Protein backbone atom coordinates (compact mmCIF):
# COMPACT_ATOMS: atom_id res chain seq x y z
CA MET A 1 6.50 12.58 -1.08
CA ILE A 2 8.73 10.57 -3.32
CA PRO A 3 8.93 10.41 -6.97
CA LEU A 4 7.08 7.84 -8.79
CA ASN A 5 10.01 6.91 -11.53
CA GLY A 6 11.59 4.94 -8.91
CA SER A 7 9.41 4.23 -6.35
CA MET A 8 9.09 0.52 -6.83
CA PRO A 9 11.96 -0.57 -4.56
CA ARG A 10 11.05 1.72 -2.10
CA VAL A 11 7.34 0.41 -2.02
CA LEU A 12 8.70 -3.29 -2.16
CA LYS A 13 11.10 -2.71 0.81
CA ASP A 14 8.51 -0.38 2.90
CA ILE A 15 6.05 -3.59 2.31
CA GLU A 16 8.32 -6.47 3.11
CA LEU A 17 8.94 -4.94 6.29
CA LEU A 18 5.29 -4.94 7.20
CA CYS A 19 4.10 -6.97 10.09
CA PRO A 20 0.62 -8.84 10.08
CA GLY A 21 -2.04 -6.47 10.89
CA ASN A 22 -0.18 -3.57 9.68
CA GLY A 23 -0.31 -1.68 6.41
CA LEU A 24 0.84 0.70 3.88
CA SER A 25 -1.12 3.64 2.01
CA ILE A 26 -0.01 4.41 -1.46
CA LEU A 27 -1.79 7.45 -2.51
CA SER A 28 -1.69 10.44 -5.50
CA TYR A 29 -0.38 13.85 -5.23
CA LYS A 30 -3.60 15.24 -4.98
CA LYS A 31 -4.93 11.80 -2.10
CA ASP A 32 -7.67 11.38 -4.21
CA ARG A 33 -6.58 7.95 -5.67
CA GLY A 34 -4.70 5.32 -4.26
CA LEU A 35 -4.60 2.09 -2.67
CA HIS A 36 -3.99 0.29 0.96
CA VAL A 37 -1.73 -2.76 1.00
CA ASP A 38 -2.02 -4.46 4.35
CA ALA A 39 -0.19 -7.58 5.79
CA ILE A 40 -2.59 -10.63 5.92
CA SER A 41 0.46 -13.17 7.05
CA GLU A 42 4.24 -12.94 6.30
CA SER A 43 3.67 -13.54 2.63
CA VAL A 44 0.02 -12.99 1.67
CA TYR A 45 -1.08 -9.24 1.32
CA MET A 46 -4.36 -7.90 0.86
CA ILE A 47 -4.35 -4.74 -2.10
CA THR A 48 -7.29 -2.38 -1.88
CA GLU A 49 -7.71 -0.17 -4.94
CA PHE A 50 -9.60 3.08 -4.95
CA GLY A 51 -10.03 5.92 -7.53
CA TYR A 52 -10.49 5.35 -10.95
CA PHE A 53 -11.20 1.32 -9.80
CA ASN A 54 -12.39 0.21 -6.28
CA GLN A 55 -11.04 -3.04 -6.60
CA GLU A 56 -9.45 -5.70 -3.54
CA TRP A 57 -7.00 -8.24 -4.74
CA GLU A 58 -5.55 -10.93 -2.12
CA VAL A 59 -1.92 -11.62 -3.42
CA ASP A 60 1.08 -13.49 -2.50
CA TYR A 61 4.59 -11.71 -2.10
CA SER A 62 5.98 -13.32 -5.19
CA LEU A 63 2.90 -11.42 -7.30
CA LEU A 64 3.14 -8.65 -5.25
CA LYS A 65 5.51 -6.76 -7.98
CA LYS A 66 3.46 -7.36 -10.92
CA GLN A 67 0.73 -6.59 -9.34
CA LEU A 68 1.42 -2.98 -8.20
CA LYS A 69 2.83 -2.37 -11.93
CA ARG A 70 -0.71 -2.95 -12.98
CA ILE A 71 -2.15 -0.70 -10.26
CA PHE A 72 0.05 2.11 -10.79
CA LYS A 73 0.04 2.25 -14.24
CA ARG A 74 -3.92 2.82 -13.81
CA GLU A 75 -4.11 4.62 -10.57
CA PHE A 76 -1.35 6.96 -11.44
CA PRO A 77 -1.35 7.47 -15.56
CA ARG A 78 0.11 11.29 -15.28
CA SER A 79 0.90 11.53 -11.66
CA ARG A 80 4.66 12.45 -10.80
CA PHE A 81 4.98 12.01 -7.41
CA ILE A 82 3.56 9.73 -5.02
CA TYR A 83 2.69 9.98 -0.84
CA LEU A 84 3.77 6.75 1.18
CA LYS A 85 1.56 6.67 4.71
CA PRO A 86 2.15 3.71 7.26
CA ARG A 87 -1.37 2.11 8.59
CA GLY A 88 -1.41 0.43 12.06
CA LYS A 89 -3.82 -1.59 13.88
CA LYS A 90 -6.49 -0.36 14.90
CA GLN A 91 -6.52 -0.67 19.43
CA ALA A 92 -9.55 -1.46 21.44
CA GLN A 93 -10.89 1.60 23.52
CA ASN A 94 -9.81 -0.42 26.62
CA GLN A 95 -6.07 -0.83 25.63
CA ARG A 96 -3.62 1.18 26.19
CA GLU A 97 -0.42 1.61 23.66
CA LEU A 98 2.65 0.35 25.56
CA PHE A 99 5.84 1.83 25.31
C-alpha cells in the first residue's frame, strides 16, 4: 500500500521493469476499483480499467503517463492509498516452474 499523492513515479518505474507477458495491478484501498497494466511488448502496454468504467486501451510508453493520470482521477477520486500487485504469466498445467 502506497500513498496516491506520490505514486506516479513508483508506478511508472514498476511498469518500465515489466517483461512482455507480465503485468501490474493497481487497486483502490477497498480493492473494488482499479486497473491492470500488462506488457505486450517492450514499449506497448494494455491497460484494463475496472470500477466506475470498464474499458481497455493499448498505449505506447510515451503516452502511458498521461493515460494513467486520467484513469487515476476517474477511478480513485477520494482514495488516499493504492495497492500495487504484480501479475505474472499463467503457466500451463503440464509446465513446471524452474528455479
